[in-house]
Amino acid sequence: MAANILAFAEARAGELRKTALESVTAARSIANAAGGEVHAIVFGAPGIGSKAAALTAHGADLVLVVEHEGFERYNPEAATATLAAQLATGSYRLAIMGSSALGRDLAPRVAARAAVPLASDVIALQLHGDTLMVQHPVNTGKVITTLAIEGSPVMVTVRPGTYALVETAGAGRVETLAPVGDPSSSRVRVTEMVVGNSAKLDLGEASVIISGGRGLKAAANFALIEELADAFGNAAVGATRAVTDDGWRPHSDQIGQTGRWVSPDLYIAVGISGAIQHLAGMRTARTIVAINKDKDAPIFKIADYGVVGDALEIVPALTAAVREARKEL
């Protein structure tokens, strides 16, 4: 059975997304165990091939570059047709892409076109002979199910942040792949992308996320969260649904079952009680720190570290400590 892994490398505006490198890293770990190669496929306007080096540096043995003006923006029909055709070559055991907004749209399309099984929002995967074992959170993350999927190929989407990026010393090959059909004639087109505050670090890209809830008492107090994020330097700011519903933060900052699902290295929950809806979106973070004045808050049940006290006093002190610690680096 073919053991090669196909990794979809998501790009936006000519730049690779972090989930692209995570998909290649995940594919590399599986291919190492199965003895196959990692083939990364990237779509974009002419020039996207310049990003191939980053993909080979993270474990791709072969980078398939699909360049066309029709891929300047996300082109679901053309990408689906090309990916499905590549899977149909019969050389792949598994296809991996990130469970980003784009991945959640594209993966079902490809799986349906190629008539292959799909496992979504996976947080662990491993090959056992002819069976792919994956873990997937259900019941708002309170239960982790293990699924056994037989057959080949199988498509999976991996939750962002699940795999830490690993660079390799190997040198991969780069080939140009022609798209299936004419991307310019696709019936479905993305005509415009409205980008929010481009200066903000995206929640899906951040290794540190600091989120605030109603325990901050007022929208103005989110300035304390922003200052702490700035002190870390590589942190993004998130919020609970209650906070975004009240207009304290934009809905793009919402983390939870109906917001963003994140798995950063460090998640600091400030003034967040720990409602199930919020926990569903962040409980897979590697380290969770909770700051809350209620010692019985549910958030403490899943936190690795807990601080009981007034967030308006603790956060400024933490910000000062982080700034001081970074001076010594």
Protein backbone atom coordinates (compact mmCIF):
# COMPACT_ATOMS: atom_id res chain seq x y z
CA MET A 1 0.00 0.00 0.00
CA ALA A 2 1.26 3.46 -0.89
CA ALA A 3 2.76 5.21 2.11
CA ASN A 4 3.32 8.69 0.68
CA ILE A 5 1.58 11.59 2.41
CA LEU A 6 0.09 14.58 0.57
CA ALA A 7 0.17 17.81 2.59
CA PHE A 8 -1.84 20.83 1.48
CA ALA A 9 0.19 23.99 2.09
CA GLU A 10 -2.27 26.84 2.67
CA ALA A 11 -1.18 30.22 1.36
CA ARG A 12 -2.77 33.64 1.49
CA ALA A 13 -1.72 36.71 -0.47
CA GLY A 14 1.40 34.93 -1.66
CA GLU A 15 2.55 33.92 1.83
CA LEU A 16 2.44 30.52 3.51
CA ARG A 17 0.20 30.24 6.55
CA LYS A 18 1.54 28.62 9.70
CA THR A 19 -0.92 25.78 9.16
CA ALA A 20 0.92 24.97 5.92
CA LEU A 21 4.11 24.21 7.82
CA GLU A 22 2.17 22.35 10.51
CA SER A 23 0.57 20.12 7.86
CA VAL A 24 3.99 19.29 6.42
CA THR A 25 5.39 18.62 9.90
CA ALA A 26 2.48 16.28 10.68
CA ALA A 27 2.92 14.52 7.35
CA ARG A 28 6.65 14.12 8.01
CA SER A 29 6.03 12.39 11.35
CA ILE A 30 3.66 9.90 9.71
CA ALA A 31 5.89 9.32 6.69
CA ASN A 32 8.91 8.64 8.89
CA ALA A 33 7.04 5.83 10.60
CA ALA A 34 5.51 4.46 7.39
CA GLY A 35 8.59 4.77 5.23
CA GLY A 36 7.05 7.03 2.60
CA GLU A 37 7.62 10.50 1.21
CA VAL A 38 5.93 13.80 1.98
CA HIS A 39 4.57 15.64 -1.03
CA ALA A 40 3.47 19.21 -0.30
CA ILE A 41 1.16 20.96 -2.74
CA VAL A 42 0.81 24.73 -2.82
CA PHE A 43 -1.53 26.88 -4.92
CA GLY A 44 -1.01 30.51 -5.77
CA ALA A 45 -0.44 33.19 -8.36
CA PRO A 46 2.85 33.11 -10.32
CA GLY A 47 5.67 33.46 -7.82
CA ILE A 48 4.26 31.17 -5.14
CA GLY A 49 6.97 28.68 -6.07
CA SER A 50 9.43 30.84 -4.14
CA LYS A 51 7.87 29.46 -0.94
CA ALA A 52 8.91 25.89 -1.76
CA ALA A 53 12.12 26.19 0.26
CA ALA A 54 10.18 26.72 3.50
CA LEU A 55 8.18 23.55 2.80
CA THR A 56 11.24 21.42 2.11
CA ALA A 57 12.86 22.84 5.25
CA HIS A 58 9.98 21.42 7.29
CA GLY A 59 10.13 17.96 5.79
CA ALA A 60 8.66 17.94 2.28
CA ASP A 61 10.50 15.54 -0.05
CA LEU A 62 8.63 16.96 -3.04
CA VAL A 63 6.85 20.29 -3.46
CA LEU A 64 4.19 20.44 -6.15
CA VAL A 65 3.74 24.07 -7.20
CA VAL A 66 0.45 24.97 -8.87
CA GLU A 67 0.82 28.50 -10.22
CA HIS A 68 -1.95 30.35 -12.04
CA GLU A 69 -3.49 33.81 -11.92
CA GLY A 70 -6.75 32.09 -11.01
CA PHE A 71 -5.21 31.11 -7.67
CA GLU A 72 -4.40 34.68 -6.59
CA ARG A 73 -7.29 34.19 -4.15
CA TYR A 74 -8.82 30.99 -2.81
CA ASN A 75 -10.36 29.08 -5.71
CA PRO A 76 -12.36 26.19 -4.24
CA GLU A 77 -13.48 24.58 -7.50
CA ALA A 78 -10.07 24.54 -9.17
CA ALA A 79 -8.23 23.53 -5.99
CA THR A 80 -10.71 20.72 -5.40
CA ALA A 81 -10.36 19.35 -8.92
CA THR A 82 -6.56 19.47 -8.81
CA LEU A 83 -6.25 17.91 -5.35
CA ALA A 84 -8.73 15.16 -6.17
CA ALA A 85 -6.85 14.35 -9.37
CA GLN A 86 -3.58 14.17 -7.45
CA LEU A 87 -5.09 11.78 -4.92
CA ALA A 88 -6.38 9.66 -7.80
CA THR A 89 -2.81 8.94 -8.93
CA GLY A 90 -2.81 6.18 -6.30
CA SER A 91 0.50 7.09 -4.72
CA TYR A 92 -0.91 8.42 -1.43
CA ARG A 93 -1.92 6.78 1.81
CA LEU A 94 -3.08 9.98 3.45
CA ALA A 95 -3.81 13.64 2.69
CA ILE A 96 -3.43 16.27 5.42
CA MET A 97 -4.52 19.89 5.66
CA GLY A 98 -5.07 22.30 8.51
CA SER A 99 -8.49 22.65 10.10
CA SER A 100 -8.51 26.37 9.33
CA ALA A 101 -11.47 28.23 7.87
CA LEU A 102 -10.16 27.43 4.39
CA GLY A 103 -9.36 23.82 5.27
CA ARG A 104 -12.81 23.22 6.69
CA ASP A 105 -14.27 24.39 3.37
CA LEU A 106 -11.84 22.62 1.05
CA ALA A 107 -11.39 19.22 2.71
CA PRO A 108 -15.04 18.08 2.41
CA ARG A 109 -15.07 19.15 -1.24
CA VAL A 110 -11.97 17.11 -2.03
CA ALA A 111 -13.14 14.10 -0.01
CA ALA A 112 -16.48 14.09 -1.82
CA ARG A 113 -14.90 14.53 -5.27
CA ALA A 114 -12.29 11.82 -4.63
CA ALA A 115 -14.77 9.56 -2.75
CA VAL A 116 -12.43 9.10 0.22
CA PRO A 117 -13.06 9.11 3.99
CA LEU A 118 -12.61 12.39 5.88
CA ALA A 119 -11.71 12.88 9.55
CA SER A 120 -12.03 16.51 10.66
CA ASP A 121 -10.37 18.52 13.44
CA VAL A 122 -7.96 15.75 14.40
CA ILE A 123 -5.60 16.25 17.34
CA ALA A 124 -3.54 13.05 16.92
CA LEU A 125 -3.03 10.51 14.16
CA GLN A 126 -1.01 7.36 13.69
CA LEU A 127 -0.79 4.61 11.10
CA HIS A 128 -1.16 0.99 12.22
CA GLY A 129 -0.68 -1.14 9.14
CA ASP A 130 -3.69 -0.61 6.89
CA THR A 131 -5.57 1.33 9.58
CA LEU A 132 -5.31 5.02 10.36
CA MET A 133 -6.03 5.84 14.01
CA VAL A 134 -7.11 9.42 14.73
CA GLN A 135 -8.26 11.27 17.83
CA HIS A 136 -11.02 13.84 17.62
CA PRO A 137 -12.67 15.94 20.38
CA VAL A 138 -16.44 15.59 20.78
CA ASN A 139 -19.04 16.89 23.25
CA THR A 140 -17.43 20.33 23.29
CA GLY A 141 -14.05 18.77 23.96
CA LYS A 142 -15.06 16.88 27.10
CA VAL A 143 -14.53 13.53 25.36
CA ILE A 144 -11.75 12.49 22.99
CA THR A 145 -12.82 9.78 20.56
CA THR A 146 -10.44 7.43 18.78
CA LEU A 147 -11.49 6.50 15.26
CA ALA A 148 -10.09 3.62 13.20
CA ILE A 149 -10.28 4.38 9.48
CA GLU A 150 -9.48 1.68 6.95
CA GLY A 151 -8.82 2.08 3.27
CA SER A 152 -6.58 4.36 1.26
CA PRO A 153 -6.29 7.23 0.81
CA VAL A 154 -7.82 9.00 3.78
CA MET A 155 -8.16 12.77 4.19
CA VAL A 156 -7.75 14.47 7.56
CA THR A 157 -7.80 18.04 8.79
CA VAL A 158 -5.57 18.75 11.78
CA ARG A 159 -6.42 21.32 14.43
CA PRO A 160 -4.02 24.29 14.21
CA GLY A 161 -1.35 24.21 16.87
CA THR A 162 -1.47 20.43 17.31
CA TYR A 163 1.97 19.86 15.81
CA ALA A 164 4.97 21.93 16.86
CA LEU A 165 6.98 23.00 13.83
CA VAL A 166 10.10 20.91 13.19
CA GLU A 167 12.72 21.82 10.61
CA THR A 168 14.77 19.14 8.85
CA ALA A 169 18.13 19.12 7.14
CA GLY A 170 16.89 17.33 4.02
CA ALA A 171 16.67 18.94 0.59
CA GLY A 172 13.45 18.32 -1.30
CA ARG A 173 12.57 18.37 -4.97
CA VAL A 174 10.34 21.00 -6.58
CA GLU A 175 8.05 20.31 -9.53
CA THR A 176 5.43 22.34 -11.35
CA LEU A 177 1.96 20.82 -11.49
CA ALA A 178 -0.61 21.99 -14.01
CA PRO A 179 -4.05 22.73 -12.58
CA VAL A 180 -7.00 20.62 -13.67
CA GLY A 181 -9.10 22.72 -16.02
CA ASP A 182 -8.92 26.49 -16.25
CA PRO A 183 -8.97 28.15 -12.81
CA SER A 184 -10.02 31.43 -14.43
CA SER A 185 -13.33 29.88 -15.53
CA SER A 186 -14.39 28.63 -12.10
CA ARG A 187 -18.05 29.29 -11.27
CA VAL A 188 -17.22 30.07 -7.63
CA ARG A 189 -14.79 32.91 -7.06
CA VAL A 190 -13.53 34.90 -4.12
CA THR A 191 -13.84 38.44 -5.40
CA GLU A 192 -12.63 40.29 -2.31
CA MET A 193 -10.92 39.62 0.99
CA VAL A 194 -11.63 41.98 3.85
CA VAL A 195 -8.70 41.81 6.22
CA GLY A 196 -9.06 42.98 9.79
CA ASN A 197 -6.29 44.63 11.75
CA SER A 198 -3.27 43.25 9.90
CA ALA A 199 -1.01 44.41 12.72
CA LYS A 200 -2.62 41.87 15.06
CA LEU A 201 -1.19 38.38 15.32
CA ASP A 202 -3.78 35.87 14.14
CA LEU A 203 -5.11 33.54 16.85
CA GLY A 204 -4.31 30.51 14.71
CA GLU A 205 -0.69 31.63 14.25
CA ALA A 206 0.09 32.56 17.86
CA SER A 207 2.11 30.37 20.21
CA VAL A 208 0.79 32.40 23.17
CA ILE A 209 -2.83 33.52 23.56
CA ILE A 210 -4.15 35.74 26.35
CA SER A 211 -7.93 35.80 26.60
CA GLY A 212 -10.22 37.94 28.67
CA GLY A 213 -13.74 37.46 29.97
CA ARG A 214 -16.32 39.39 31.93
CA GLY A 215 -14.09 39.23 34.97
CA LEU A 216 -12.26 42.19 33.46
CA LYS A 217 -15.40 44.22 34.37
CA ALA A 218 -15.21 46.69 31.47
CA ALA A 219 -14.13 46.84 27.84
CA ALA A 220 -11.49 49.44 28.70
CA ASN A 221 -9.70 46.92 30.89
CA PHE A 222 -8.79 44.84 27.85
CA ALA A 223 -5.94 47.33 27.56
CA LEU A 224 -4.30 45.30 30.34
CA ILE A 225 -4.57 42.17 28.19
CA GLU A 226 -3.11 44.01 25.20
CA GLU A 227 -0.17 45.18 27.34
CA LEU A 228 0.51 41.64 28.54
CA ALA A 229 0.39 40.35 24.96
CA ASP A 230 2.83 43.06 23.94
CA ALA A 231 5.15 42.07 26.79
CA PHE A 232 5.33 38.50 25.47
CA GLY A 233 5.95 39.77 21.95
CA ASN A 234 4.49 36.67 20.27
CA ALA A 235 1.02 36.69 21.81
CA ALA A 236 -2.47 37.19 20.43
CA VAL A 237 -5.54 38.45 22.29
CA GLY A 238 -8.70 36.37 22.52
CA ALA A 239 -12.06 36.73 24.24
CA THR A 240 -15.10 34.81 25.39
CA ARG A 241 -18.42 34.82 23.57
CA ALA A 242 -20.04 36.89 26.34
CA VAL A 243 -17.44 39.61 25.84
CA THR A 244 -17.82 39.71 22.05
CA ASP A 245 -21.62 39.65 22.32
CA ASP A 246 -21.40 42.70 24.58
CA GLY A 247 -19.27 44.47 21.99
CA TRP A 248 -16.15 44.65 24.12
CA ARG A 249 -14.11 42.85 21.45
CA PRO A 250 -14.65 42.02 17.76
CA HIS A 251 -16.19 38.62 17.05
CA SER A 252 -12.99 37.62 15.26
CA ASP A 253 -11.38 37.43 18.73
CA GLN A 254 -13.92 34.92 20.05
CA ILE A 255 -12.56 31.57 21.18
CA GLY A 256 -14.95 28.72 21.80
CA GLN A 257 -17.36 26.28 20.25
CA THR A 258 -18.87 28.92 17.97
CA GLY A 259 -15.63 30.88 17.59
CA ARG A 260 -12.00 29.93 17.00
CA TRP A 261 -10.52 26.57 18.06
CA VAL A 262 -6.92 27.04 19.16
CA SER A 263 -4.06 24.95 20.53
CA PRO A 264 -1.27 27.37 21.48
CA ASP A 265 1.77 26.50 23.57
CA LEU A 266 0.49 28.81 26.32
CA TYR A 267 -3.07 29.96 26.99
CA ILE A 268 -3.73 32.53 29.73
CA ALA A 269 -7.39 32.86 30.70
CA VAL A 270 -8.05 36.13 32.52
CA GLY A 271 -11.37 36.65 34.29
CA ILE A 272 -12.89 33.66 32.49
CA SER A 273 -15.09 31.35 34.54
CA GLY A 274 -14.77 28.40 32.16
CA ALA A 275 -18.11 27.88 30.45
CA ILE A 276 -18.27 24.72 28.36
CA GLN A 277 -18.63 26.76 25.18
CA HIS A 278 -15.29 28.49 25.80
CA LEU A 279 -13.44 25.40 27.02
CA ALA A 280 -14.30 23.61 23.77
CA GLY A 281 -12.13 26.04 21.84
CA MET A 282 -8.98 26.08 23.99
CA ARG A 283 -8.72 23.02 26.22
CA THR A 284 -6.15 21.40 23.89
CA ALA A 285 -3.62 24.16 24.61
CA ARG A 286 -0.33 22.70 25.85
CA THR A 287 -0.22 24.82 29.01
CA ILE A 288 -3.20 26.65 30.52
CA VAL A 289 -2.91 29.40 33.14
CA ALA A 290 -6.11 30.71 34.75
CA ILE A 291 -6.51 33.97 36.65
CA ASN A 292 -9.82 34.34 38.47
CA LYS A 293 -11.01 35.68 41.82
CA ASP A 294 -13.42 32.73 42.23
CA LYS A 295 -11.43 29.75 43.50
CA ASP A 296 -14.28 27.44 42.47
CA ALA A 297 -14.41 28.63 38.85
CA PRO A 298 -14.62 25.67 36.41
CA ILE A 299 -11.60 26.97 34.49
CA PHE A 300 -9.35 25.79 37.33
CA LYS A 301 -10.35 22.17 36.69
CA ILE A 302 -8.47 22.12 33.40
CA ALA A 303 -5.77 24.71 34.18
CA ASP A 304 -2.17 23.63 34.68
CA TYR A 305 -1.59 26.70 36.83
CA GLY A 306 -4.15 28.79 38.67
CA VAL A 307 -3.96 32.21 40.29
CA VAL A 308 -6.81 33.23 42.59
CA GLY A 309 -7.18 36.97 42.85
CA ASP A 310 -8.26 40.21 41.21
CA ALA A 311 -7.22 40.14 37.55
CA LEU A 312 -6.96 43.94 37.50
CA GLU A 313 -4.15 43.69 40.05
CA ILE A 314 -2.52 40.45 38.89
CA VAL A 315 -2.24 41.18 35.15
CA PRO A 316 -0.18 44.40 35.52
CA ALA A 317 2.17 42.59 37.91
CA LEU A 318 2.48 39.69 35.46
CA THR A 319 3.15 42.10 32.60
CA ALA A 320 5.98 43.72 34.55
CA ALA A 321 7.44 40.29 35.39
CA VAL A 322 7.35 39.19 31.76
CA ARG A 323 9.04 42.38 30.58
CA GLU A 324 11.75 41.96 33.20
CA ALA A 325 12.29 38.31 32.27
CA ARG A 326 12.64 39.14 28.58
CA LYS A 327 15.35 41.67 29.36
CA GLU A 328 17.52 38.78 30.54
CA LEU A 329 17.10 36.76 27.37
